[in-house]
């Protein structure tokens, strides 16, 4: 049992390190979703899903690890003899508490780490075609047609004329893009050009 727990902790740790780095550097959601951002063939939702699943595995394995090693953990906390707490337990608790407080109140070093993350996320190339509103990839073609002041049938026809596979006007821009191995911003750009509306920057 201990071997299984230890190995699950190892694999989940490796997965969390990898996905944590990706989530730290990936562009903001509004950019990632709109441009169809991918890394190693996986999109933002897939990386997030992997991170959450392995965090759950680590949580379960961690609880089992505590259960299987409870006596050793108690000895680490109490130390030898009459000492209530060891130096190691006090230092690790103090460091952990300090990091928790700096994270909650946005103080260094946590603030420095989060500021760096913002710079990294903002360094990604911004989309040439900006979305008409936040999370426009979730608009159905019906809703998009209404915003563009054209009929849904015309939107579907124009996209199909350019080789875009569309099932119905009830599909979201994101669903259409995924079916066509494209990105919402590219499908939207094709539609704007077909309507002769140019490529607005906002």
C-alpha atoms as a PDB file:
ATOM      1  CA  UNK A   1       0.000   0.000   0.000  1.00  0.00           C
ATOM      2  CA  UNK A   2       2.784   2.431   0.896  1.00  0.00           C
ATOM      3  CA  UNK A   3       4.407   1.894  -2.518  1.00  0.00           C
ATOM      4  CA  UNK A   4       1.172   2.716  -4.334  1.00  0.00           C
ATOM      5  CA  UNK A   5       0.656   5.852  -2.261  1.00  0.00           C
ATOM      6  CA  UNK A   6       4.249   6.991  -2.758  1.00  0.00           C
ATOM      7  CA  UNK A   7       4.114   6.432  -6.524  1.00  0.00           C
ATOM      8  CA  UNK A   8       0.758   8.209  -6.848  1.00  0.00           C
ATOM      9  CA  UNK A   9       2.268  11.136  -4.953  1.00  0.00           C
ATOM     10  CA  UNK A  10       5.262  11.124  -7.307  1.00  0.00           C
ATOM     11  CA  UNK A  11       3.214  11.035 -10.535  1.00  0.00           C
ATOM     12  CA  UNK A  12       0.743  13.630  -9.307  1.00  0.00           C
ATOM     13  CA  UNK A  13       3.591  15.894  -8.162  1.00  0.00           C
ATOM     14  CA  UNK A  14       5.217  15.712 -11.602  1.00  0.00           C
ATOM     15  CA  UNK A  15       1.872  16.383 -13.309  1.00  0.00           C
ATOM     16  CA  UNK A  16       1.116  19.334 -11.022  1.00  0.00           C
ATOM     17  CA  UNK A  17       4.551  20.858 -11.591  1.00  0.00           C
ATOM     18  CA  UNK A  18       4.157  20.593 -15.378  1.00  0.00           C
ATOM     19  CA  UNK A  19       0.569  21.843 -15.515  1.00  0.00           C
ATOM     20  CA  UNK A  20       1.270  24.497 -12.904  1.00  0.00           C
ATOM     21  CA  UNK A  21       4.020  25.974 -15.085  1.00  0.00           C
ATOM     22  CA  UNK A  22       1.720  25.929 -18.122  1.00  0.00           C
ATOM     23  CA  UNK A  23      -1.158  27.576 -16.226  1.00  0.00           C
ATOM     24  CA  UNK A  24       1.272  30.179 -14.891  1.00  0.00           C
ATOM     25  CA  UNK A  25       2.541  31.224 -18.325  1.00  0.00           C
ATOM     26  CA  UNK A  26      -0.519  30.705 -20.555  1.00  0.00           C
ATOM     27  CA  UNK A  27      -2.306  33.813 -21.861  1.00  0.00           C
ATOM     28  CA  UNK A  28      -5.377  35.150 -20.099  1.00  0.00           C
ATOM     29  CA  UNK A  29      -8.570  33.216 -20.749  1.00  0.00           C
ATOM     30  CA  UNK A  30     -10.060  35.913 -22.987  1.00  0.00           C
ATOM     31  CA  UNK A  31      -7.038  35.611 -25.305  1.00  0.00           C
ATOM     32  CA  UNK A  32      -6.613  31.842 -25.000  1.00  0.00           C
ATOM     33  CA  UNK A  33     -10.236  31.075 -25.863  1.00  0.00           C
ATOM     34  CA  UNK A  34     -10.565  33.675 -28.619  1.00  0.00           C
ATOM     35  CA  UNK A  35      -7.375  32.683 -30.436  1.00  0.00           C
ATOM     36  CA  UNK A  36      -7.695  28.936 -29.856  1.00  0.00           C
ATOM     37  CA  UNK A  37      -4.404  28.930 -27.922  1.00  0.00           C
ATOM     38  CA  UNK A  38      -2.753  25.519 -27.546  1.00  0.00           C
ATOM     39  CA  UNK A  39       0.462  24.140 -26.115  1.00  0.00           C
ATOM     40  CA  UNK A  40       1.636  20.643 -27.050  1.00  0.00           C
ATOM     41  CA  UNK A  41      -1.724  20.168 -28.758  1.00  0.00           C
ATOM     42  CA  UNK A  42      -3.771  20.875 -25.604  1.00  0.00           C
ATOM     43  CA  UNK A  43      -5.983  23.923 -25.045  1.00  0.00           C
ATOM     44  CA  UNK A  44      -6.540  25.906 -21.843  1.00  0.00           C
ATOM     45  CA  UNK A  45      -9.440  23.765 -20.615  1.00  0.00           C
ATOM     46  CA  UNK A  46      -7.507  20.540 -21.152  1.00  0.00           C
ATOM     47  CA  UNK A  47      -4.482  21.802 -19.197  1.00  0.00           C
ATOM     48  CA  UNK A  48      -6.791  23.001 -16.417  1.00  0.00           C
ATOM     49  CA  UNK A  49      -8.587  19.642 -16.344  1.00  0.00           C
ATOM     50  CA  UNK A  50      -5.305  17.724 -16.019  1.00  0.00           C
ATOM     51  CA  UNK A  51      -4.206  20.045 -13.208  1.00  0.00           C
ATOM     52  CA  UNK A  52      -7.444  19.593 -11.246  1.00  0.00           C
ATOM     53  CA  UNK A  53      -7.566  15.801 -11.694  1.00  0.00           C
ATOM     54  CA  UNK A  54      -3.994  15.303 -10.485  1.00  0.00           C
ATOM     55  CA  UNK A  55      -4.526  17.769  -7.632  1.00  0.00           C
ATOM     56  CA  UNK A  56      -7.385  15.522  -6.506  1.00  0.00           C
ATOM     57  CA  UNK A  57      -5.171  12.437  -6.845  1.00  0.00           C
ATOM     58  CA  UNK A  58      -2.487  14.141  -4.764  1.00  0.00           C
ATOM     59  CA  UNK A  59      -5.071  15.123  -2.149  1.00  0.00           C
ATOM     60  CA  UNK A  60      -6.298  11.534  -1.767  1.00  0.00           C
ATOM     61  CA  UNK A  61      -2.762  10.109  -1.820  1.00  0.00           C
ATOM     62  CA  UNK A  62      -1.658  12.762   0.675  1.00  0.00           C
ATOM     63  CA  UNK A  63      -4.434  11.811   3.095  1.00  0.00           C
ATOM     64  CA  UNK A  64      -3.480   8.145   2.777  1.00  0.00           C
ATOM     65  CA  UNK A  65       0.180   9.060   3.287  1.00  0.00           C
ATOM     66  CA  UNK A  66      -0.692  10.861   6.531  1.00  0.00           C
ATOM     67  CA  UNK A  67      -2.763   7.892   7.672  1.00  0.00           C
ATOM     68  CA  UNK A  68      -0.004   5.367   6.920  1.00  0.00           C
ATOM     69  CA  UNK A  69       2.714   7.495   8.498  1.00  0.00           C
ATOM     70  CA  UNK A  70       0.774   9.057  11.371  1.00  0.00           C
ATOM     71  CA  UNK A  71       3.135   7.865  14.104  1.00  0.00           C
ATOM     72  CA  UNK A  72       6.179   9.224  12.278  1.00  0.00           C
ATOM     73  CA  UNK A  73       4.474  12.570  11.678  1.00  0.00           C
ATOM     74  CA  UNK A  74       3.599  12.867  15.366  1.00  0.00           C
ATOM     75  CA  UNK A  75       7.246  12.157  16.237  1.00  0.00           C
ATOM     76  CA  UNK A  76       8.356  14.879  13.774  1.00  0.00           C
ATOM     77  CA  UNK A  77       6.033  17.346  15.482  1.00  0.00           C
ATOM     78  CA  UNK A  78       6.862  16.439  19.076  1.00  0.00           C
ATOM     79  CA  UNK A  79      10.523  15.663  18.690  1.00  0.00           C
ATOM     80  CA  UNK A  80      12.412  13.617  21.235  1.00  0.00           C
ATOM     81  CA  UNK A  81      11.671  13.847  24.925  1.00  0.00           C
ATOM     82  CA  UNK A  82       9.398  16.511  26.411  1.00  0.00           C
ATOM     83  CA  UNK A  83       9.671  19.097  23.624  1.00  0.00           C
ATOM     84  CA  UNK A  84       6.163  19.957  22.456  1.00  0.00           C
ATOM     85  CA  UNK A  85       7.270  21.074  18.982  1.00  0.00           C
ATOM     86  CA  UNK A  86      10.515  20.636  17.073  1.00  0.00           C
ATOM     87  CA  UNK A  87      12.466  23.420  15.442  1.00  0.00           C
ATOM     88  CA  UNK A  88      11.622  21.949  12.046  1.00  0.00           C
ATOM     89  CA  UNK A  89       7.877  21.915  12.694  1.00  0.00           C
ATOM     90  CA  UNK A  90       7.919  25.510  13.954  1.00  0.00           C
ATOM     91  CA  UNK A  91       9.959  26.819  11.015  1.00  0.00           C
ATOM     92  CA  UNK A  92       7.864  25.025   8.371  1.00  0.00           C
ATOM     93  CA  UNK A  93       4.618  26.177  10.019  1.00  0.00           C
ATOM     94  CA  UNK A  94       5.865  29.780  10.235  1.00  0.00           C
ATOM     95  CA  UNK A  95       7.034  29.854   6.595  1.00  0.00           C
ATOM     96  CA  UNK A  96       3.748  28.330   5.415  1.00  0.00           C
ATOM     97  CA  UNK A  97       1.690  30.795   7.470  1.00  0.00           C
ATOM     98  CA  UNK A  98       3.749  33.708   6.174  1.00  0.00           C
ATOM     99  CA  UNK A  99       3.204  32.643   2.553  1.00  0.00           C
ATOM    100  CA  UNK A 100      -0.507  32.227   3.210  1.00  0.00           C
ATOM    101  CA  UNK A 101      -0.773  35.758   4.626  1.00  0.00           C
ATOM    102  CA  UNK A 102       1.287  37.338   1.825  1.00  0.00           C
ATOM    103  CA  UNK A 103      -0.919  35.571  -0.732  1.00  0.00           C
ATOM    104  CA  UNK A 104      -4.146  36.777   0.880  1.00  0.00           C
ATOM    105  CA  UNK A 105      -2.998  40.386   1.291  1.00  0.00           C
ATOM    106  CA  UNK A 106      -0.987  40.573  -1.938  1.00  0.00           C
ATOM    107  CA  UNK A 107       2.360  41.238  -0.265  1.00  0.00           C
ATOM    108  CA  UNK A 108       5.896  40.265  -1.356  1.00  0.00           C
ATOM    109  CA  UNK A 109       7.079  37.666  -2.186  1.00  0.00           C
ATOM    110  CA  UNK A 110       3.656  36.426  -3.348  1.00  0.00           C
ATOM    111  CA  UNK A 111       2.896  39.784  -4.988  1.00  0.00           C
ATOM    112  CA  UNK A 112       6.178  39.634  -6.908  1.00  0.00           C
ATOM    113  CA  UNK A 113       5.323  36.169  -8.177  1.00  0.00           C
ATOM    114  CA  UNK A 114       1.835  37.243  -9.295  1.00  0.00           C
ATOM    115  CA  UNK A 115       3.139  40.455 -10.920  1.00  0.00           C
ATOM    116  CA  UNK A 116       5.597  38.370 -12.921  1.00  0.00           C
ATOM    117  CA  UNK A 117       2.771  36.075 -13.979  1.00  0.00           C
ATOM    118  CA  UNK A 118       0.796  39.058 -15.315  1.00  0.00           C
ATOM    119  CA  UNK A 119       3.791  40.193 -17.359  1.00  0.00           C
ATOM    120  CA  UNK A 120       4.278  36.714 -18.813  1.00  0.00           C
ATOM    121  CA  UNK A 121       0.585  36.344 -19.657  1.00  0.00           C
ATOM    122  CA  UNK A 122       0.462  39.801 -21.244  1.00  0.00           C
ATOM    123  CA  UNK A 123       3.567  39.038 -23.331  1.00  0.00           C
ATOM    124  CA  UNK A 124       1.628  36.664 -25.579  1.00  0.00           C
ATOM    125  CA  UNK A 125       0.691  38.072 -28.978  1.00  0.00           C
ATOM    126  CA  UNK A 126      -2.677  39.763 -28.811  1.00  0.00           C
ATOM    127  CA  UNK A 127      -5.311  38.732 -31.388  1.00  0.00           C
ATOM    128  CA  UNK A 128      -5.381  40.779 -34.587  1.00  0.00           C
ATOM    129  CA  UNK A 129      -9.170  40.683 -34.488  1.00  0.00           C
ATOM    130  CA  UNK A 130     -10.528  41.672 -31.128  1.00  0.00           C
ATOM    131  CA  UNK A 131     -13.713  40.009 -29.896  1.00  0.00           C
ATOM    132  CA  UNK A 132     -16.889  42.107 -30.139  1.00  0.00           C
ATOM    133  CA  UNK A 133     -17.454  41.487 -26.409  1.00  0.00           C
ATOM    134  CA  UNK A 134     -15.846  39.455 -23.613  1.00  0.00           C
ATOM    135  CA  UNK A 135     -16.032  35.699 -24.258  1.00  0.00           C
ATOM    136  CA  UNK A 136     -17.512  36.228 -27.705  1.00  0.00           C
ATOM    137  CA  UNK A 137     -16.510  32.650 -28.513  1.00  0.00           C
ATOM    138  CA  UNK A 138     -19.595  31.599 -26.520  1.00  0.00           C
ATOM    139  CA  UNK A 139     -21.975  33.534 -28.774  1.00  0.00           C
ATOM    140  CA  UNK A 140     -24.194  31.378 -30.951  1.00  0.00           C
ATOM    141  CA  UNK A 141     -24.291  32.202 -34.638  1.00  0.00           C
ATOM    142  CA  UNK A 142     -27.838  33.459 -34.004  1.00  0.00           C
ATOM    143  CA  UNK A 143     -26.570  35.926 -31.417  1.00  0.00           C
ATOM    144  CA  UNK A 144     -23.628  36.901 -33.596  1.00  0.00           C
ATOM    145  CA  UNK A 145     -25.930  37.506 -36.551  1.00  0.00           C
ATOM    146  CA  UNK A 146     -28.074  39.793 -34.408  1.00  0.00           C
ATOM    147  CA  UNK A 147     -25.010  41.823 -33.399  1.00  0.00           C
ATOM    148  CA  UNK A 148     -23.907  42.073 -37.033  1.00  0.00           C
ATOM    149  CA  UNK A 149     -27.457  43.015 -38.097  1.00  0.00           C
ATOM    150  CA  UNK A 150     -27.810  40.179 -40.610  1.00  0.00           C
ATOM    151  CA  UNK A 151     -29.945  37.052 -40.667  1.00  0.00           C
ATOM    152  CA  UNK A 152     -28.635  33.821 -39.094  1.00  0.00           C
ATOM    153  CA  UNK A 153     -29.219  32.026 -42.399  1.00  0.00           C
ATOM    154  CA  UNK A 154     -26.926  34.465 -44.158  1.00  0.00           C
ATOM    155  CA  UNK A 155     -24.196  33.970 -41.552  1.00  0.00           C
ATOM    156  CA  UNK A 156     -24.400  30.199 -41.982  1.00  0.00           C
ATOM    157  CA  UNK A 157     -24.424  30.498 -45.792  1.00  0.00           C
ATOM    158  CA  UNK A 158     -21.418  32.837 -45.846  1.00  0.00           C
ATOM    159  CA  UNK A 159     -19.390  30.546 -43.616  1.00  0.00           C
ATOM    160  CA  UNK A 160     -20.307  27.459 -45.629  1.00  0.00           C
ATOM    161  CA  UNK A 161     -19.345  29.280 -48.835  1.00  0.00           C
ATOM    162  CA  UNK A 162     -15.841  29.635 -47.396  1.00  0.00           C
ATOM    163  CA  UNK A 163     -15.600  25.943 -46.586  1.00  0.00           C
ATOM    164  CA  UNK A 164     -16.529  26.221 -42.919  1.00  0.00           C
ATOM    165  CA  UNK A 165     -18.572  23.276 -41.642  1.00  0.00           C
ATOM    166  CA  UNK A 166     -21.646  24.532 -39.778  1.00  0.00           C
ATOM    167  CA  UNK A 167     -24.408  22.318 -38.411  1.00  0.00           C
ATOM    168  CA  UNK A 168     -26.839  25.011 -37.303  1.00  0.00           C
ATOM    169  CA  UNK A 169     -27.074  28.655 -36.329  1.00  0.00           C
ATOM    170  CA  UNK A 170     -27.544  27.510 -32.732  1.00  0.00           C
ATOM    171  CA  UNK A 171     -23.881  26.526 -32.505  1.00  0.00           C
ATOM    172  CA  UNK A 172     -21.443  28.743 -30.699  1.00  0.00           C
ATOM    173  CA  UNK A 173     -18.523  30.350 -32.474  1.00  0.00           C
ATOM    174  CA  UNK A 174     -16.232  28.159 -30.392  1.00  0.00           C
ATOM    175  CA  UNK A 175     -18.015  24.960 -31.453  1.00  0.00           C
ATOM    176  CA  UNK A 176     -17.791  25.923 -35.117  1.00  0.00           C
ATOM    177  CA  UNK A 177     -14.106  26.744 -34.751  1.00  0.00           C
ATOM    178  CA  UNK A 178     -13.311  23.441 -33.043  1.00  0.00           C
ATOM    179  CA  UNK A 179     -15.141  21.408 -35.680  1.00  0.00           C
ATOM    180  CA  UNK A 180     -13.093  23.134 -38.353  1.00  0.00           C
ATOM    181  CA  UNK A 181      -9.776  22.848 -36.454  1.00  0.00           C
ATOM    182  CA  UNK A 182      -9.614  26.624 -36.309  1.00  0.00           C
ATOM    183  CA  UNK A 183     -10.012  29.378 -33.723  1.00  0.00           C
ATOM    184  CA  UNK A 184     -12.980  31.663 -32.970  1.00  0.00           C
ATOM    185  CA  UNK A 185     -11.066  34.779 -34.027  1.00  0.00           C
ATOM    186  CA  UNK A 186     -10.292  33.287 -37.454  1.00  0.00           C
ATOM    187  CA  UNK A 187     -13.897  32.211 -38.064  1.00  0.00           C
ATOM    188  CA  UNK A 188     -15.083  35.659 -36.980  1.00  0.00           C
ATOM    189  CA  UNK A 189     -12.541  37.327 -39.257  1.00  0.00           C
ATOM    190  CA  UNK A 190     -13.717  35.246 -42.230  1.00  0.00           C
ATOM    191  CA  UNK A 191     -17.295  36.250 -41.527  1.00  0.00           C
ATOM    192  CA  UNK A 192     -16.441  39.949 -41.278  1.00  0.00           C
ATOM    193  CA  UNK A 193     -14.569  39.858 -44.577  1.00  0.00           C
ATOM    194  CA  UNK A 194     -17.435  38.021 -46.278  1.00  0.00           C
ATOM    195  CA  UNK A 195     -19.818  40.712 -45.022  1.00  0.00           C
ATOM    196  CA  UNK A 196     -17.470  43.442 -46.190  1.00  0.00           C
ATOM    197  CA  UNK A 197     -17.212  44.824 -42.666  1.00  0.00           C
ATOM    198  CA  UNK A 198     -13.412  44.876 -42.565  1.00  0.00           C
ATOM    199  CA  UNK A 199     -11.477  43.948 -39.430  1.00  0.00           C
ATOM    200  CA  UNK A 200     -12.380  46.273 -36.574  1.00  0.00           C
ATOM    201  CA  UNK A 201      -9.778  46.616 -33.856  1.00  0.00           C
ATOM    202  CA  UNK A 202     -12.287  46.885 -31.045  1.00  0.00           C
END
